[in-house]
Amino acid sequence: MENNKKYPNQYFIKRWMGWGLVMGPAFGVIFMSLTDKKELLGFGIPFGMLIGLMIGASIEKKYREEGKVEPPSEEEKKKQKRGMYIGISVLIIAMIAFLVLLKL
């Protein structure tokens, strides 16, 4: 029996990044215990997200080639573009605030 289910755009990427975020602290504890450096505890979350992103992107690519991932709608494209602009704006404001705080 063949599965003809269609998934929304970026479904697998978001799902696996979430799992990476959940498993990230475990990676941090492992890195910390192996090296005896407490600073590596915070390294786990971005590492877990990176692993999740890589797994999710590969699954997404496979399903997209099979035609099981729906292309993004115009509304989704607008939301993504708006989110990108907001993210860049927040980044620029944070960088300016950081530079101002450095001079104090």
Foldseek 3Di string as FASTA:
>chain_A
DDDLAAAEPLPQQVVLLVVLQVCQQVVQVVVCVVVVDNVSSVVRRVVSNVVSNVVSVVVNVVCVVVVRYDDDDPVVVVVVVVVVVVVVVVVVVVVVVVVVVVVD
